[in-house]
Amino acid sequence: MAQGLSREQIADRLDEAGELLEAQGANRFRVRAYRVAADTVRQLAEDPAEILAREGFDGLVKLPGIGERLARAIDEMSYTGRWVQLERMRGEAEPEELFQAIPGVGPDTARRIHDALHVDTLEALEIAAHDGSLEDVHGIGPRKAAAIRASLSAMLARRSRRGEEEHEEPPVAALLEVDRSYRQQAGAGSLRTIAPRRFNPDGEAWLPILHEERDGWDFTALYSNTALAHDLGRTRDWVVIYFARPGGREHVRTVVTETHGPLEGSRVVRGREADCRAHYFDG
């Protein structure tokens, strides 16, 4: 097990997340939620890991000002010593390194997974392993996907997680509207930019980031910074959108410009092409 974080370290990271969200234009209520959670954790008489060991995930949820979403973040920091959401906001996310902790996943496989699925957490990869999208990644296939799924199940079972929840997603119309809003504001230069660590030797703050709330969903959008996006010159076309209900598990989709077929030239949500056809032709 990786070295987890103490309550003071977790509180500091929650405070930092609130500061970054505020600087990046997030809703003030969301910003305040992170600051309240930081205060709650800082005032605990013990580290969150001890609460998890004694009371499980629900022991975190019932703490003042925490709730399910922030409890998941605290659980992640307590178990792994990392918080991928914060690393993403900093521009420091290294999902390929994270995926190599899975038995049988080397650097090439980790890169292909990230390039194809744009997931950056073990939980998101577990969802992809169950919904069939992982086995469609080049070089994976059903047998290797099953092995990765079993490894993820064993790894994540050690954490104090809730049971699996229904995978709910926003309508494609909402995702496409977030994509439009992001690209419009990025083009106008009105979004805060971050300096991603990957593929950025000069440390340039070039990557715009959007935090937006719409129709009961929290969205974060960024241009893709995967190796494949750079190789194909698509870093200003592919938009990665993270979304969650307040308190819910985070999911991710990528919106791209379709290059062939009846939707050629249109913006399409990868993995939901049928919904996009209905949106454009039946709506």
Protein backbone atom coordinates (compact mmCIF):
# COMPACT_ATOMS: atom_id res chain seq x y z
CA MET A 1 0.00 0.00 0.00
CA ALA A 2 1.27 3.47 -0.86
CA GLN A 3 1.99 5.95 1.91
CA GLY A 4 -1.24 7.80 2.68
CA LEU A 5 -1.51 11.43 3.73
CA SER A 6 -2.08 12.82 7.21
CA ARG A 7 -5.08 14.98 8.08
CA GLU A 8 -2.96 18.15 7.82
CA GLN A 9 -1.66 17.17 4.38
CA ILE A 10 -5.16 16.32 3.19
CA ALA A 11 -6.54 19.61 4.54
CA ASP A 12 -3.76 21.54 2.76
CA ARG A 13 -4.64 19.85 -0.54
CA LEU A 14 -8.34 20.56 -0.12
CA ASP A 15 -7.49 24.21 0.52
CA GLU A 16 -5.27 24.27 -2.56
CA ALA A 17 -8.06 22.76 -4.66
CA GLY A 18 -10.40 25.52 -3.47
CA GLU A 19 -7.83 28.17 -4.38
CA LEU A 20 -7.29 26.68 -7.84
CA LEU A 21 -11.01 26.34 -8.48
CA GLU A 22 -11.52 29.98 -7.51
CA ALA A 23 -8.64 31.13 -9.74
CA GLN A 24 -9.99 29.01 -12.61
CA GLY A 25 -13.46 30.53 -12.39
CA ALA A 26 -15.44 27.79 -10.66
CA ASN A 27 -18.75 28.46 -8.90
CA ARG A 28 -18.23 30.08 -5.48
CA PHE A 29 -20.36 27.45 -3.73
CA ARG A 30 -18.10 24.70 -5.07
CA VAL A 31 -15.03 26.66 -3.94
CA ARG A 32 -16.51 27.10 -0.47
CA ALA A 33 -17.28 23.38 -0.20
CA TYR A 34 -13.58 22.54 -0.52
CA ARG A 35 -12.61 25.13 2.08
CA VAL A 36 -15.22 23.89 4.54
CA ALA A 37 -14.00 20.32 4.00
CA ALA A 38 -10.41 21.44 4.64
CA ASP A 39 -11.45 23.00 7.95
CA THR A 40 -13.33 19.85 8.95
CA VAL A 41 -10.36 17.58 8.23
CA ARG A 42 -7.89 19.92 9.91
CA GLN A 43 -9.97 19.86 13.13
CA LEU A 44 -10.18 16.06 13.32
CA ALA A 45 -8.59 14.37 16.31
CA GLU A 46 -7.20 11.61 14.10
CA ASP A 47 -6.17 10.99 10.50
CA PRO A 48 -8.96 10.11 8.05
CA ALA A 49 -7.28 6.74 7.48
CA GLU A 50 -8.16 5.79 11.05
CA ILE A 51 -11.80 6.72 10.48
CA LEU A 52 -11.82 4.65 7.29
CA ALA A 53 -10.34 1.66 9.10
CA ARG A 54 -12.87 1.89 11.92
CA GLU A 55 -16.08 3.08 10.21
CA GLY A 56 -15.47 2.66 6.49
CA PHE A 57 -16.44 5.12 3.79
CA ASP A 58 -19.64 6.16 5.57
CA GLY A 59 -17.53 7.41 8.46
CA LEU A 60 -16.13 10.10 6.15
CA VAL A 61 -19.46 10.91 4.50
CA LYS A 62 -21.12 11.79 7.80
CA LEU A 63 -18.41 14.31 8.78
CA PRO A 64 -19.62 17.94 8.68
CA GLY A 65 -19.31 19.47 5.22
CA ILE A 66 -17.83 16.39 3.55
CA GLY A 67 -20.43 14.35 1.64
CA GLU A 68 -19.77 11.58 -0.85
CA ARG A 69 -17.72 13.39 -3.49
CA LEU A 70 -15.19 14.87 -1.08
CA ALA A 71 -15.17 11.64 0.92
CA ARG A 72 -13.96 9.90 -2.24
CA ALA A 73 -11.17 12.45 -2.57
CA ILE A 74 -10.14 11.97 1.07
CA ASP A 75 -10.30 8.19 0.64
CA GLU A 76 -8.01 8.43 -2.40
CA MET A 77 -5.47 10.60 -0.56
CA SER A 78 -5.61 8.40 2.55
CA TYR A 79 -4.93 5.25 0.54
CA THR A 80 -2.65 6.32 -2.32
CA GLY A 81 -1.04 9.54 -1.12
CA ARG A 82 -2.27 11.16 -4.35
CA TRP A 83 -5.29 13.08 -5.56
CA VAL A 84 -5.64 12.92 -9.34
CA GLN A 85 -8.23 15.71 -9.51
CA LEU A 86 -5.80 18.14 -7.86
CA GLU A 87 -2.94 16.97 -10.07
CA ARG A 88 -5.17 17.65 -13.09
CA MET A 89 -5.93 21.19 -11.93
CA ARG A 90 -2.21 21.78 -11.35
CA GLY A 91 -1.37 20.39 -14.80
CA GLU A 92 0.68 17.62 -13.19
CA ALA A 93 -1.45 14.52 -13.88
CA GLU A 94 0.59 11.48 -14.95
CA PRO A 95 -2.06 8.80 -15.58
CA GLU A 96 0.30 6.55 -17.53
CA GLU A 97 2.52 6.25 -14.44
CA LEU A 98 -0.56 5.48 -12.32
CA PHE A 99 -1.76 2.72 -14.68
CA GLN A 100 1.63 1.00 -14.58
CA ALA A 101 0.87 0.08 -10.97
CA ILE A 102 -1.60 -2.48 -12.39
CA PRO A 103 0.01 -5.91 -12.84
CA GLY A 104 0.69 -6.62 -16.51
CA VAL A 105 0.38 -3.01 -17.64
CA GLY A 106 3.65 -1.63 -18.95
CA PRO A 107 4.49 1.79 -20.41
CA ASP A 108 3.20 1.04 -23.93
CA THR A 109 -0.10 -0.39 -22.72
CA ALA A 110 -0.57 2.48 -20.25
CA ARG A 111 -0.02 4.99 -23.05
CA ARG A 112 -2.49 3.25 -25.38
CA ILE A 113 -5.13 3.17 -22.62
CA HIS A 114 -4.75 6.87 -21.89
CA ASP A 115 -4.64 7.84 -25.57
CA ALA A 116 -7.79 5.87 -26.38
CA LEU A 117 -9.94 6.39 -23.27
CA HIS A 118 -8.69 9.70 -21.78
CA VAL A 119 -9.25 8.31 -18.29
CA ASP A 120 -6.84 9.36 -15.55
CA THR A 121 -7.98 7.48 -12.43
CA LEU A 122 -8.14 3.80 -11.50
CA GLU A 123 -11.88 4.16 -10.81
CA ALA A 124 -12.53 5.54 -14.30
CA LEU A 125 -10.44 2.76 -15.81
CA GLU A 126 -12.44 0.20 -13.82
CA ILE A 127 -15.63 1.54 -15.39
CA ALA A 128 -14.07 1.24 -18.86
CA ALA A 129 -13.05 -2.33 -18.01
CA HIS A 130 -16.66 -3.20 -17.20
CA ASP A 131 -18.45 -1.36 -20.02
CA GLY A 132 -16.40 -2.97 -22.79
CA SER A 133 -14.45 0.06 -23.97
CA LEU A 134 -11.14 -1.15 -22.50
CA GLU A 135 -11.08 -4.31 -24.62
CA ASP A 136 -11.47 -2.16 -27.75
CA VAL A 137 -8.13 -0.45 -27.07
CA HIS A 138 -5.50 -1.61 -29.57
CA GLY A 139 -3.49 -4.52 -28.15
CA ILE A 140 -5.85 -5.20 -25.22
CA GLY A 141 -8.65 -7.54 -26.30
CA PRO A 142 -11.07 -9.50 -24.10
CA ARG A 143 -8.53 -11.67 -22.23
CA LYS A 144 -6.21 -8.84 -21.20
CA ALA A 145 -9.17 -6.60 -20.38
CA ALA A 146 -10.49 -9.33 -18.06
CA ALA A 147 -7.09 -9.60 -16.36
CA ILE A 148 -6.89 -5.83 -15.87
CA ARG A 149 -10.47 -5.81 -14.57
CA ALA A 150 -9.61 -8.48 -12.00
CA SER A 151 -6.46 -6.62 -10.93
CA LEU A 152 -8.36 -3.35 -10.55
CA SER A 153 -11.06 -5.09 -8.53
CA ALA A 154 -8.43 -6.45 -6.13
CA MET A 155 -6.58 -3.13 -5.89
CA LEU A 156 -9.67 -1.00 -5.32
CA ALA A 157 -11.30 -3.50 -2.95
CA ARG A 158 -8.63 -2.57 -0.42
CA ARG A 159 -10.04 0.92 -0.29
CA SER A 160 -13.12 1.90 1.70
CA ARG A 161 -15.36 2.45 -1.29
CA ARG A 162 -19.09 2.50 -1.68
CA GLY A 163 -20.72 -0.14 -3.83
CA GLU A 164 -20.89 0.46 -7.56
CA GLU A 165 -23.45 3.04 -8.56
CA GLU A 166 -25.46 3.45 -11.72
CA HIS A 167 -23.43 5.06 -14.49
CA GLU A 168 -25.49 8.14 -15.30
CA GLU A 169 -24.38 10.61 -17.98
CA PRO A 170 -25.65 13.98 -19.19
CA PRO A 171 -27.43 14.14 -22.55
CA VAL A 172 -25.07 14.56 -25.51
CA ALA A 173 -26.64 17.98 -26.06
CA ALA A 174 -25.25 19.11 -22.70
CA LEU A 175 -21.79 17.69 -23.42
CA LEU A 176 -21.74 19.33 -26.84
CA GLU A 177 -22.79 22.64 -25.30
CA VAL A 178 -19.97 22.44 -22.74
CA ASP A 179 -17.60 21.63 -25.62
CA ARG A 180 -18.86 24.67 -27.57
CA SER A 181 -18.58 26.94 -24.54
CA TYR A 182 -15.08 25.73 -23.76
CA ARG A 183 -13.73 26.15 -27.30
CA GLN A 184 -15.37 29.58 -27.66
CA GLN A 185 -13.92 30.89 -24.38
CA ALA A 186 -10.54 29.26 -25.03
CA GLY A 187 -10.42 30.89 -28.46
CA ALA A 188 -11.27 34.27 -26.94
CA GLY A 189 -8.52 33.90 -24.36
CA SER A 190 -10.96 34.33 -21.47
CA LEU A 191 -10.11 31.11 -19.57
CA ARG A 192 -7.37 30.58 -17.00
CA THR A 193 -4.53 28.52 -18.50
CA ILE A 194 -2.33 25.96 -16.77
CA ALA A 195 1.13 24.65 -17.61
CA PRO A 196 0.87 20.87 -18.08
CA ARG A 197 3.93 18.89 -17.05
CA ARG A 198 3.64 16.44 -19.95
CA PHE A 199 4.89 17.39 -23.46
CA ASN A 200 5.69 20.91 -22.31
CA PRO A 201 9.47 21.27 -21.92
CA ASP A 202 9.31 25.08 -21.72
CA GLY A 203 6.70 25.06 -18.95
CA GLU A 204 4.30 27.21 -20.99
CA ALA A 205 0.85 27.84 -19.51
CA TRP A 206 -0.99 27.01 -22.73
CA LEU A 207 -3.82 24.68 -21.61
CA PRO A 208 -7.16 26.47 -20.93
CA ILE A 209 -9.35 24.95 -18.22
CA LEU A 210 -13.08 25.44 -17.71
CA HIS A 211 -15.16 24.64 -14.63
CA GLU A 212 -18.89 24.95 -15.22
CA GLU A 213 -22.15 23.89 -13.60
CA ARG A 214 -25.09 23.12 -15.85
CA ASP A 215 -28.40 21.32 -15.29
CA GLY A 216 -27.31 19.69 -12.04
CA TRP A 217 -23.89 18.56 -13.31
CA ASP A 218 -20.37 19.74 -12.51
CA PHE A 219 -18.17 19.89 -15.61
CA THR A 220 -14.45 20.41 -16.13
CA ALA A 221 -13.16 20.73 -19.69
CA LEU A 222 -9.63 20.81 -21.13
CA TYR A 223 -8.01 20.20 -24.49
CA SER A 224 -6.52 16.72 -24.75
CA ASN A 225 -2.87 16.54 -23.74
CA THR A 226 -2.30 12.90 -24.63
CA ALA A 227 0.65 11.67 -26.69
CA LEU A 228 -1.73 10.69 -29.50
CA ALA A 229 -3.33 14.14 -29.61
CA HIS A 230 0.13 15.68 -29.99
CA ASP A 231 1.21 13.11 -32.59
CA LEU A 232 -1.89 13.78 -34.72
CA GLY A 233 -1.97 17.55 -34.17
CA ARG A 234 -5.35 17.39 -32.43
CA THR A 235 -4.53 19.18 -29.17
CA ARG A 236 -6.77 22.10 -30.18
CA ASP A 237 -9.57 19.85 -31.41
CA TRP A 238 -10.06 17.05 -28.92
CA VAL A 239 -11.80 18.29 -25.77
CA VAL A 240 -11.84 16.09 -22.65
CA ILE A 241 -14.88 16.69 -20.44
CA TYR A 242 -15.07 15.39 -16.85
CA PHE A 243 -18.53 15.37 -15.29
CA ALA A 244 -20.26 14.34 -12.09
CA ARG A 245 -23.41 14.91 -10.14
CA PRO A 246 -22.75 16.79 -6.89
CA GLY A 247 -21.47 14.08 -4.57
CA GLY A 248 -21.33 11.52 -7.38
CA ARG A 249 -18.54 9.58 -9.05
CA GLU A 250 -16.67 11.38 -11.82
CA HIS A 251 -16.82 10.16 -15.43
CA VAL A 252 -15.18 11.38 -18.62
CA ARG A 253 -15.95 11.73 -22.34
CA THR A 254 -13.98 13.19 -25.25
CA VAL A 255 -15.51 15.40 -27.92
CA VAL A 256 -13.83 15.49 -31.35
CA THR A 257 -14.50 16.67 -34.89
CA GLU A 258 -15.68 13.64 -36.85
CA THR A 259 -13.49 12.93 -39.89
CA HIS A 260 -15.66 10.46 -41.83
CA GLY A 261 -19.20 9.14 -42.26
CA PRO A 262 -22.50 11.01 -42.06
CA LEU A 263 -21.30 13.18 -39.18
CA GLU A 264 -18.08 14.29 -40.91
CA GLY A 265 -17.21 17.80 -39.80
CA SER A 266 -19.55 17.69 -36.78
CA ARG A 267 -18.55 17.59 -33.13
CA VAL A 268 -19.07 14.08 -31.76
CA VAL A 269 -18.91 12.58 -28.27
CA ARG A 270 -16.67 9.52 -28.54
CA GLY A 271 -18.45 6.37 -27.36
CA ARG A 272 -21.87 7.99 -27.87
CA GLU A 273 -21.92 8.27 -31.64
CA ALA A 274 -25.45 6.84 -31.92
CA ASP A 275 -26.74 9.50 -29.51
CA CYS A 276 -24.95 12.15 -31.57
CA ARG A 277 -26.59 10.92 -34.80
CA ALA A 278 -29.97 11.18 -33.09
CA HIS A 279 -29.07 14.64 -31.78
CA TYR A 280 -28.12 15.98 -35.21
CA PHE A 281 -30.61 14.16 -37.43
CA ASP A 282 -33.65 13.51 -35.22
CA GLY A 283 -33.51 16.51 -32.90
